[in-house]
Structure formats: C-alpha cells, structure tokens
C-alpha cells in the first residue's frame, strides 16, 4: 500500500505511529497513541518514522531515546 506521507492528516499520523510501534516491537504501546500526537509536530514524527523504517534492529538505548522523542511529540 502506497501512502502519501507528505500530507499532515490524522490518518497519516496514525499510520506512522502504528508502523513505528510495530517495527520497534514496543511493548508499552498505550503510551504512544496516534490521537495524542500533536499535528504541529508532523515533520518531526515523519523524520522519526523514516529513521525507524531504515533500521533493522534497535539497541535498548535507541529504543529509550525513540520512546522519549515520541513522548515529546504528544499534545500538552
């Protein structure tokens, strides 16, 4: 499925969050919900998504850093 991620839409945010969570095999998925993401942080989320999709595996420190970054993108 080809998704046009150039557009800041709730569907694209949900798609990227789901893909990141799946690829990273994150256990605490409840902490990262697409609806809690700040749409004004779309570019940052897109950059994280692209970086995660390029990697095959993640060290524990990378997982921690990515989880913190995703947490930073949440709405206040």
C-alpha atoms as a PDB file:
ATOM      1  CA  UNK A   1       0.000   0.000   0.000  1.00  0.00           C
ATOM      2  CA  UNK A   2       1.425   3.347  -1.028  1.00  0.00           C
ATOM      3  CA  UNK A   3       0.747   6.115   1.459  1.00  0.00           C
ATOM      4  CA  UNK A   4       1.346   9.788   0.681  1.00  0.00           C
ATOM      5  CA  UNK A   5       3.011  10.935   3.879  1.00  0.00           C
ATOM      6  CA  UNK A   6       3.606  14.437   2.569  1.00  0.00           C
ATOM      7  CA  UNK A   7       0.183  15.448   3.905  1.00  0.00           C
ATOM      8  CA  UNK A   8      -0.418  16.161   7.582  1.00  0.00           C
ATOM      9  CA  UNK A   9      -3.582  14.144   8.206  1.00  0.00           C
ATOM     10  CA  UNK A  10      -4.822  12.177  11.215  1.00  0.00           C
ATOM     11  CA  UNK A  11      -4.701   9.049   9.048  1.00  0.00           C
ATOM     12  CA  UNK A  12      -1.028   9.603   8.183  1.00  0.00           C
ATOM     13  CA  UNK A  13      -0.161  10.248  11.823  1.00  0.00           C
ATOM     14  CA  UNK A  14      -1.924   7.029  12.797  1.00  0.00           C
ATOM     15  CA  UNK A  15      -0.175   5.102  10.016  1.00  0.00           C
ATOM     16  CA  UNK A  16       3.304   6.312  11.001  1.00  0.00           C
ATOM     17  CA  UNK A  17       2.764   5.718  14.738  1.00  0.00           C
ATOM     18  CA  UNK A  18       1.484   2.192  14.060  1.00  0.00           C
ATOM     19  CA  UNK A  19       4.419   1.416  11.763  1.00  0.00           C
ATOM     20  CA  UNK A  20       6.957   2.757  14.297  1.00  0.00           C
ATOM     21  CA  UNK A  21       5.408   0.784  17.169  1.00  0.00           C
ATOM     22  CA  UNK A  22       5.280  -2.393  15.066  1.00  0.00           C
ATOM     23  CA  UNK A  23       8.831  -2.092  13.734  1.00  0.00           C
ATOM     24  CA  UNK A  24      10.285  -1.333  17.153  1.00  0.00           C
ATOM     25  CA  UNK A  25       8.189  -4.075  18.790  1.00  0.00           C
ATOM     26  CA  UNK A  26       7.291  -1.612  21.521  1.00  0.00           C
ATOM     27  CA  UNK A  27       5.568  -3.251  24.460  1.00  0.00           C
ATOM     28  CA  UNK A  28       4.092  -0.158  26.089  1.00  0.00           C
ATOM     29  CA  UNK A  29       2.076   0.795  23.017  1.00  0.00           C
ATOM     30  CA  UNK A  30      -0.545   2.505  25.176  1.00  0.00           C
ATOM     31  CA  UNK A  31       1.899   5.314  25.882  1.00  0.00           C
ATOM     32  CA  UNK A  32       2.100   6.156  22.195  1.00  0.00           C
ATOM     33  CA  UNK A  33      -1.273   6.736  20.590  1.00  0.00           C
ATOM     34  CA  UNK A  34      -1.715   8.461  17.280  1.00  0.00           C
ATOM     35  CA  UNK A  35      -4.592  10.570  18.566  1.00  0.00           C
ATOM     36  CA  UNK A  36      -2.355  12.010  21.283  1.00  0.00           C
ATOM     37  CA  UNK A  37       0.229  13.217  18.768  1.00  0.00           C
ATOM     38  CA  UNK A  38       0.477  16.943  18.143  1.00  0.00           C
ATOM     39  CA  UNK A  39      -0.260  17.534  14.460  1.00  0.00           C
ATOM     40  CA  UNK A  40       2.054  20.558  14.579  1.00  0.00           C
ATOM     41  CA  UNK A  41       4.902  18.102  15.173  1.00  0.00           C
ATOM     42  CA  UNK A  42       4.150  16.214  11.955  1.00  0.00           C
ATOM     43  CA  UNK A  43       7.559  16.860  10.378  1.00  0.00           C
ATOM     44  CA  UNK A  44       9.358  15.539  13.460  1.00  0.00           C
ATOM     45  CA  UNK A  45       7.162  12.435  13.516  1.00  0.00           C
ATOM     46  CA  UNK A  46       7.852  11.903   9.812  1.00  0.00           C
ATOM     47  CA  UNK A  47      11.618  12.141  10.410  1.00  0.00           C
ATOM     48  CA  UNK A  48      11.413   9.581  13.238  1.00  0.00           C
ATOM     49  CA  UNK A  49       9.298   7.327  11.008  1.00  0.00           C
ATOM     50  CA  UNK A  50      11.842   7.476   8.166  1.00  0.00           C
ATOM     51  CA  UNK A  51      14.753   6.752  10.508  1.00  0.00           C
ATOM     52  CA  UNK A  52      12.964   3.798  12.153  1.00  0.00           C
ATOM     53  CA  UNK A  53      11.997   2.299   8.788  1.00  0.00           C
ATOM     54  CA  UNK A  54      15.660   2.319   7.641  1.00  0.00           C
ATOM     55  CA  UNK A  55      16.908   0.286  10.619  1.00  0.00           C
ATOM     56  CA  UNK A  56      16.592  -3.449  11.131  1.00  0.00           C
ATOM     57  CA  UNK A  57      17.058  -3.533  14.884  1.00  0.00           C
ATOM     58  CA  UNK A  58      17.454  -1.207  17.821  1.00  0.00           C
ATOM     59  CA  UNK A  59      19.647  -1.181  20.890  1.00  0.00           C
ATOM     60  CA  UNK A  60      17.974  -0.649  24.268  1.00  0.00           C
ATOM     61  CA  UNK A  61      19.372   2.899  24.409  1.00  0.00           C
ATOM     62  CA  UNK A  62      18.000   3.658  20.919  1.00  0.00           C
ATOM     63  CA  UNK A  63      14.589   2.318  21.953  1.00  0.00           C
ATOM     64  CA  UNK A  64      14.670   4.529  25.047  1.00  0.00           C
ATOM     65  CA  UNK A  65      15.654   7.609  23.038  1.00  0.00           C
ATOM     66  CA  UNK A  66      12.975   6.982  20.410  1.00  0.00           C
ATOM     67  CA  UNK A  67      10.308   6.439  23.065  1.00  0.00           C
ATOM     68  CA  UNK A  68      11.336   9.732  24.690  1.00  0.00           C
ATOM     69  CA  UNK A  69      11.200  11.547  21.339  1.00  0.00           C
ATOM     70  CA  UNK A  70       7.759  10.149  20.580  1.00  0.00           C
ATOM     71  CA  UNK A  71       6.636  11.203  24.049  1.00  0.00           C
ATOM     72  CA  UNK A  72       7.883  14.718  23.341  1.00  0.00           C
ATOM     73  CA  UNK A  73       5.646  14.893  20.265  1.00  0.00           C
ATOM     74  CA  UNK A  74       2.485  14.335  22.291  1.00  0.00           C
ATOM     75  CA  UNK A  75      -0.028  17.104  22.817  1.00  0.00           C
ATOM     76  CA  UNK A  76       0.417  19.043  26.015  1.00  0.00           C
END
